[in-house]
């Protein structure tokens, strides 16, 4: 099957982008000699004295193959070109692309100088790609349940076979950093072999201390009265997540503020809770259940604990900030158990 004239790969996670580029290159090369057929350009090739331009990439795409049936040209860091005028040369090339070139362009941030935000793909380029039957491949994990399903699917399709406890361990330890499963599975396959059946004992040494977790993972653990899990979430949010304890207490203030708003309101269903809180779906249901379970007295006590911790974090106490946060989380989770 012929490779499309152009493949555009987008995403802001280097691991997923690299995986997608590798797959696209392998599919485009087929049986061709990589050393002869493949050319890869980066932002350094686009740099002029005072700006970046796409002339070198277009020249490479227009170059006929030599000693091969086709050429595969990869253009990295195209996120440098975020406006219609900057992609005019590429759009013009796609009006009459060379049928012996498979062009793979990667819409990612540049590194020198560091690009702070990824520019959107200009509409004119997307339209040009569509007009020649090209592919736009978005690399993204998703959030919440979508992210959990993505991780389940990647593990299920991976090069090794993890038993159920090992899958649960990977999901728990990676937290929000789900894209880390890509290099993890590659490492496990390299160590144990393709198709190896692995348990938690096999996998755990390769997981490290765990990635960041979402704020709702912390509040869920607190509301469930699970002190060890709540402390683990806190540690990962401050460690891998880089969150300051004051940012965590701010999120907790918002959570208990919602519970306080529902307490004594007479609201008895998810729809009413959603209207009162300005949220939709499952979060409103969880907040209503937590508010009922705790009751007004314990919610008020939680608010007082948060207020005291806030003062301690701002200098009232000589305790290290991490210790203040740990004691707070343990006390809040214990409230849900009493």
Protein backbone atom coordinates (compact mmCIF):
# COMPACT_ATOMS: atom_id res chain seq x y z
CA UNK A 1 0.00 0.00 0.00
CA UNK A 2 1.36 3.42 -0.93
CA UNK A 3 2.21 5.80 1.88
CA UNK A 4 0.17 9.04 1.98
CA UNK A 5 1.79 12.10 0.43
CA UNK A 6 2.00 13.67 3.87
CA UNK A 7 1.47 12.64 7.47
CA UNK A 8 1.08 15.33 10.13
CA UNK A 9 1.77 14.21 13.70
CA UNK A 10 0.72 16.46 16.56
CA UNK A 11 1.10 16.28 20.32
CA UNK A 12 2.85 17.75 23.33
CA UNK A 13 4.22 14.58 24.93
CA UNK A 14 7.64 13.72 23.51
CA UNK A 15 7.23 10.00 24.23
CA UNK A 16 4.01 9.66 22.28
CA UNK A 17 5.23 11.87 19.45
CA UNK A 18 8.46 9.88 19.13
CA UNK A 19 6.51 6.61 19.04
CA UNK A 20 4.17 7.94 16.35
CA UNK A 21 7.05 9.26 14.24
CA UNK A 22 8.88 5.95 14.46
CA UNK A 23 5.79 4.03 13.35
CA UNK A 24 5.11 6.43 10.47
CA UNK A 25 8.72 6.25 9.27
CA UNK A 26 8.79 2.44 9.37
CA UNK A 27 5.53 2.23 7.42
CA UNK A 28 6.74 4.74 4.82
CA UNK A 29 10.15 3.13 4.35
CA UNK A 30 8.90 -0.39 3.80
CA UNK A 31 11.84 -2.34 2.36
CA UNK A 32 13.85 0.74 1.35
CA UNK A 33 17.39 1.24 2.65
CA UNK A 34 17.05 3.65 5.59
CA UNK A 35 20.52 5.13 5.04
CA UNK A 36 19.65 6.11 1.48
CA UNK A 37 15.92 6.82 1.62
CA UNK A 38 15.48 8.71 4.90
CA UNK A 39 16.20 12.39 5.53
CA UNK A 40 15.27 14.10 8.78
CA UNK A 41 15.32 17.87 9.32
CA UNK A 42 15.04 19.78 12.59
CA UNK A 43 14.62 23.41 13.52
CA UNK A 44 18.35 23.94 12.93
CA UNK A 45 17.80 23.36 9.21
CA UNK A 46 14.99 25.93 9.16
CA UNK A 47 16.98 28.65 10.93
CA UNK A 48 18.10 31.76 9.06
CA UNK A 49 19.83 34.80 10.55
CA UNK A 50 16.80 36.15 12.37
CA UNK A 51 13.90 33.73 11.87
CA UNK A 52 12.83 30.26 10.73
CA UNK A 53 11.56 29.27 7.29
CA UNK A 54 10.43 26.06 5.56
CA UNK A 55 12.45 26.32 2.36
CA UNK A 56 14.88 23.52 3.29
CA UNK A 57 12.05 21.13 4.11
CA UNK A 58 10.26 21.83 0.84
CA UNK A 59 13.52 21.41 -1.11
CA UNK A 60 14.04 18.02 0.54
CA UNK A 61 10.48 16.95 -0.30
CA UNK A 62 10.99 17.96 -3.95
CA UNK A 63 14.24 16.01 -4.32
CA UNK A 64 13.86 12.79 -6.36
CA UNK A 65 15.10 9.51 -4.85
CA UNK A 66 18.61 8.20 -5.61
CA UNK A 67 19.19 4.44 -5.70
CA UNK A 68 15.84 3.86 -3.97
CA UNK A 69 12.22 3.70 -5.06
CA UNK A 70 11.13 6.51 -2.75
CA UNK A 71 12.36 9.06 -0.24
CA UNK A 72 11.02 9.55 3.27
CA UNK A 73 11.43 13.12 4.52
CA UNK A 74 10.76 13.91 8.16
CA UNK A 75 10.31 17.51 9.27
CA UNK A 76 10.50 17.96 13.05
CA UNK A 77 9.58 21.02 15.16
CA UNK A 78 7.04 22.50 12.74
CA UNK A 79 5.27 24.04 15.72
CA UNK A 80 7.65 26.95 15.09
CA UNK A 81 5.39 27.93 12.19
CA UNK A 82 2.09 28.99 13.68
CA UNK A 83 0.63 31.39 11.13
CA UNK A 84 -0.72 31.09 7.61
CA UNK A 85 2.11 33.02 5.95
CA UNK A 86 4.86 30.86 7.44
CA UNK A 87 3.47 27.62 5.95
CA UNK A 88 2.82 29.02 2.45
CA UNK A 89 5.80 27.12 0.91
CA UNK A 90 4.55 23.81 2.32
CA UNK A 91 0.97 24.46 1.23
CA UNK A 92 2.26 25.32 -2.28
CA UNK A 93 4.25 22.05 -2.39
CA UNK A 94 1.14 20.05 -1.47
CA UNK A 95 -0.66 21.49 -4.50
CA UNK A 96 1.58 19.18 -6.56
CA UNK A 97 3.51 16.83 -4.27
CA UNK A 98 6.21 14.54 -5.60
CA UNK A 99 4.80 11.03 -5.79
CA UNK A 100 8.16 9.51 -4.81
CA UNK A 101 8.30 11.40 -1.51
CA UNK A 102 6.59 10.37 1.71
CA UNK A 103 6.57 13.52 3.84
CA UNK A 104 6.17 13.23 7.60
CA UNK A 105 5.88 16.51 9.49
CA UNK A 106 5.76 16.80 13.27
CA UNK A 107 3.84 19.66 14.87
CA UNK A 108 5.84 19.95 18.09
CA UNK A 109 7.60 22.68 20.05
CA UNK A 110 11.07 23.89 19.16
CA UNK A 111 13.95 23.69 21.61
CA UNK A 112 16.48 26.37 20.69
CA UNK A 113 15.33 28.83 21.87
CA UNK A 114 12.75 27.00 23.96
CA UNK A 115 9.24 27.49 22.62
CA UNK A 116 6.86 28.17 25.52
CA UNK A 117 3.61 27.19 23.80
CA UNK A 118 2.69 25.06 20.84
CA UNK A 119 1.11 27.09 18.06
CA UNK A 120 -2.10 25.73 16.49
CA UNK A 121 -1.84 24.18 13.04
CA UNK A 122 -2.89 26.79 10.45
CA UNK A 123 -6.18 25.99 8.77
CA UNK A 124 -4.63 26.42 5.32
CA UNK A 125 -2.17 23.61 6.02
CA UNK A 126 -4.87 21.27 7.33
CA UNK A 127 -6.94 21.94 4.22
CA UNK A 128 -3.94 21.26 1.97
CA UNK A 129 -3.23 17.98 3.76
CA UNK A 130 -6.85 16.92 3.38
CA UNK A 131 -6.84 17.79 -0.32
CA UNK A 132 -4.05 15.27 -1.07
CA UNK A 133 -5.47 12.52 1.12
CA UNK A 134 -2.89 13.02 3.86
CA UNK A 135 -3.21 11.87 7.46
CA UNK A 136 -3.41 13.96 10.63
CA UNK A 137 -2.43 11.83 13.63
CA UNK A 138 -3.02 13.29 17.06
CA UNK A 139 -1.08 11.80 19.95
CA UNK A 140 -2.91 12.30 23.22
CA UNK A 141 -3.74 10.27 26.31
CA UNK A 142 -6.88 12.06 27.40
CA UNK A 143 -8.01 12.74 30.93
CA UNK A 144 -10.16 10.99 33.51
CA UNK A 145 -11.91 7.87 32.28
CA UNK A 146 -10.71 8.46 28.73
CA UNK A 147 -7.12 8.39 29.97
CA UNK A 148 -7.77 5.25 32.01
CA UNK A 149 -9.20 3.50 28.96
CA UNK A 150 -6.22 4.62 26.86
CA UNK A 151 -3.85 3.09 29.41
CA UNK A 152 -5.83 -0.16 29.58
CA UNK A 153 -5.76 -0.44 25.80
CA UNK A 154 -2.01 0.24 25.58
CA UNK A 155 -1.21 -2.36 28.22
CA UNK A 156 -3.50 -4.91 26.56
CA UNK A 157 -1.83 -4.36 23.18
CA UNK A 158 1.68 -4.20 24.63
CA UNK A 159 4.64 -6.48 23.87
CA UNK A 160 4.40 -8.23 27.26
CA UNK A 161 1.48 -9.78 29.12
CA UNK A 162 0.79 -8.26 32.55
CA UNK A 163 -1.48 -10.11 34.95
CA UNK A 164 -4.37 -8.22 36.57
CA UNK A 165 -2.50 -7.15 39.75
CA UNK A 166 0.45 -5.96 37.65
CA UNK A 167 -1.87 -3.89 35.45
CA UNK A 168 -3.46 -2.33 38.52
CA UNK A 169 -0.03 -1.55 39.96
CA UNK A 170 1.11 0.14 36.75
CA UNK A 171 -2.07 2.23 36.59
CA UNK A 172 -1.78 3.27 40.24
CA UNK A 173 1.93 4.07 40.12
CA UNK A 174 1.90 6.00 36.84
CA UNK A 175 -1.00 8.17 37.96
CA UNK A 176 -1.53 11.05 35.54
CA UNK A 177 1.76 10.34 33.76
CA UNK A 178 0.13 7.60 31.69
CA UNK A 179 2.32 8.18 28.64
CA UNK A 180 5.20 6.73 30.67
CA UNK A 181 3.73 3.31 29.90
CA UNK A 182 5.25 3.51 26.40
CA UNK A 183 8.94 3.35 27.47
CA UNK A 184 7.97 1.09 30.40
CA UNK A 185 6.53 -1.61 28.13
CA UNK A 186 9.51 -1.31 25.77
CA UNK A 187 11.88 -1.80 28.70
CA UNK A 188 9.96 -4.79 30.03
CA UNK A 189 9.99 -6.42 26.59
CA UNK A 190 13.74 -5.84 26.25
CA UNK A 191 14.42 -7.37 29.67
CA UNK A 192 11.96 -10.28 29.74
CA UNK A 193 11.34 -10.90 26.03
CA UNK A 194 8.34 -10.42 23.76
CA UNK A 195 5.17 -12.02 25.06
CA UNK A 196 6.56 -12.62 28.55
CA UNK A 197 3.92 -13.13 31.26
CA UNK A 198 4.74 -10.76 34.12
CA UNK A 199 3.56 -10.25 37.68
CA UNK A 200 3.80 -7.34 40.11
CA UNK A 201 7.15 -8.68 41.35
CA UNK A 202 8.52 -8.44 37.80
CA UNK A 203 7.13 -4.98 37.08
CA UNK A 204 7.55 -3.07 40.34
CA UNK A 205 11.36 -2.55 40.14
CA UNK A 206 10.84 -0.63 36.87
CA UNK A 207 8.17 1.76 38.15
CA UNK A 208 10.18 4.09 40.40
CA UNK A 209 8.43 6.15 43.07
CA UNK A 210 5.35 6.96 40.99
CA UNK A 211 4.12 9.81 38.83
CA UNK A 212 1.82 12.71 39.52
CA UNK A 213 -1.86 12.15 40.32
CA UNK A 214 -4.91 14.33 39.77
CA UNK A 215 -6.34 16.41 42.64
CA UNK A 216 -9.52 14.30 42.63
CA UNK A 217 -7.43 11.19 43.36
CA UNK A 218 -6.39 12.86 46.61
CA UNK A 219 -9.89 13.98 47.55
CA UNK A 220 -11.33 10.55 46.66
CA UNK A 221 -8.82 8.89 49.00
CA UNK A 222 -9.58 11.40 51.76
CA UNK A 223 -13.35 10.97 51.36
CA UNK A 224 -12.90 7.18 51.50
CA UNK A 225 -10.94 7.49 54.77
CA UNK A 226 -7.93 5.77 53.15
CA UNK A 227 -5.04 7.41 55.03
CA UNK A 228 -2.15 5.50 53.35
CA UNK A 229 -3.50 6.15 49.85
CA UNK A 230 -4.18 9.82 50.63
CA UNK A 231 -0.61 10.27 51.90
CA UNK A 232 0.74 8.50 48.80
CA UNK A 233 -1.27 10.86 46.57
CA UNK A 234 0.03 13.85 48.52
CA UNK A 235 3.64 12.67 48.17
CA UNK A 236 3.30 12.21 44.44
CA UNK A 237 1.59 15.57 43.94
CA UNK A 238 4.41 17.35 45.76
CA UNK A 239 7.14 15.17 44.23
CA UNK A 240 6.52 14.21 40.59
CA UNK A 241 3.77 16.81 40.29
CA UNK A 242 5.86 19.64 41.74
CA UNK A 243 2.83 21.11 43.52
CA UNK A 244 3.40 23.44 46.47
CA UNK A 245 1.50 22.50 49.66
CA UNK A 246 -0.40 25.81 49.48
CA UNK A 247 -1.67 24.86 46.01
CA UNK A 248 -2.87 21.55 47.41
CA UNK A 249 -4.66 23.18 50.36
CA UNK A 250 -6.28 25.62 47.93
CA UNK A 251 -7.73 22.68 45.99
CA UNK A 252 -8.90 21.10 49.24
CA UNK A 253 -10.58 24.35 50.27
CA UNK A 254 -12.53 24.22 47.03
CA UNK A 255 -13.51 20.61 47.69
CA UNK A 256 -14.75 21.18 51.22
CA UNK A 257 -16.39 24.41 50.14
CA UNK A 258 -18.55 22.33 47.79
CA UNK A 259 -19.42 19.89 50.58
CA UNK A 260 -20.32 22.79 52.87
CA UNK A 261 -22.55 24.31 50.20
CA UNK A 262 -24.49 21.07 49.86
CA UNK A 263 -24.78 20.39 53.60
CA UNK A 264 -28.18 21.37 54.89
CA UNK A 265 -29.31 22.53 51.43
CA UNK A 266 -32.01 19.91 51.13
CA UNK A 267 -30.60 18.78 47.79
CA UNK A 268 -31.15 15.06 47.35
CA UNK A 269 -30.18 14.21 43.78
CA UNK A 270 -27.30 14.59 41.33
CA UNK A 271 -29.09 17.15 39.16
CA UNK A 272 -29.70 19.45 42.11
CA UNK A 273 -26.10 19.11 43.25
CA UNK A 274 -24.87 19.89 39.75
CA UNK A 275 -26.97 23.06 39.60
CA UNK A 276 -25.82 24.19 43.04
CA UNK A 277 -22.12 23.58 42.37
CA UNK A 278 -21.96 24.53 38.71
CA UNK A 279 -20.50 21.15 37.73
CA UNK A 280 -21.85 18.25 35.72
CA UNK A 281 -22.13 14.51 36.01
CA UNK A 282 -20.15 12.25 38.29
CA UNK A 283 -18.26 14.98 40.27
CA UNK A 284 -21.59 16.36 41.50
CA UNK A 285 -22.73 12.89 42.53
CA UNK A 286 -19.48 12.29 44.44
CA UNK A 287 -19.70 15.63 46.23
CA UNK A 288 -23.29 14.98 47.31
CA UNK A 289 -22.40 11.53 48.63
CA UNK A 290 -19.36 12.87 50.52
CA UNK A 291 -21.37 15.73 52.02
CA UNK A 292 -24.03 13.35 53.30
CA UNK A 293 -21.49 10.92 54.68
CA UNK A 294 -19.49 13.54 56.59
CA UNK A 295 -22.31 15.73 57.81
CA UNK A 296 -22.13 19.36 58.85
CA UNK A 297 -20.10 18.91 62.04
CA UNK A 298 -17.24 17.03 60.41
CA UNK A 299 -17.24 19.28 57.34
CA UNK A 300 -16.89 22.30 59.65
CA UNK A 301 -14.05 20.57 61.47
CA UNK A 302 -12.32 19.89 58.15
CA UNK A 303 -12.61 23.57 57.24
CA UNK A 304 -11.04 24.53 60.58
CA UNK A 305 -8.17 22.07 59.99
CA UNK A 306 -7.56 23.62 56.57
CA UNK A 307 -7.56 27.14 57.98
CA UNK A 308 -5.03 26.17 60.66
CA UNK A 309 -2.80 24.40 58.13
CA UNK A 310 -2.91 27.43 55.86
CA UNK A 311 -1.57 29.63 58.66
CA UNK A 312 1.12 27.05 59.50
CA UNK A 313 2.22 26.87 55.87
CA UNK A 314 2.53 30.67 55.80
CA UNK A 315 4.96 30.72 58.71
CA UNK A 316 3.03 30.36 61.95
CA UNK A 317 4.56 26.94 62.61
CA UNK A 318 8.23 25.93 62.62
CA UNK A 319 7.30 22.57 61.09
CA UNK A 320 8.52 21.86 57.53
CA UNK A 321 5.77 22.54 55.01
CA UNK A 322 5.75 18.92 53.86
CA UNK A 323 5.08 17.75 57.42
CA UNK A 324 2.27 20.27 57.87
CA UNK A 325 0.65 18.96 54.68
CA UNK A 326 1.08 15.31 55.70
CA UNK A 327 -0.50 15.85 59.12
CA UNK A 328 -3.38 17.75 57.54
CA UNK A 329 -4.10 15.00 55.00
CA UNK A 330 -3.93 12.29 57.65
CA UNK A 331 -6.37 14.19 59.86
CA UNK A 332 -8.80 14.89 57.02
CA UNK A 333 -8.80 11.24 55.91
CA UNK A 334 -9.27 10.13 59.51
CA UNK A 335 -12.35 12.35 59.75
CA UNK A 336 -13.98 10.29 57.01
CA UNK A 337 -13.34 7.11 58.98
CA UNK A 338 -14.89 8.23 62.25
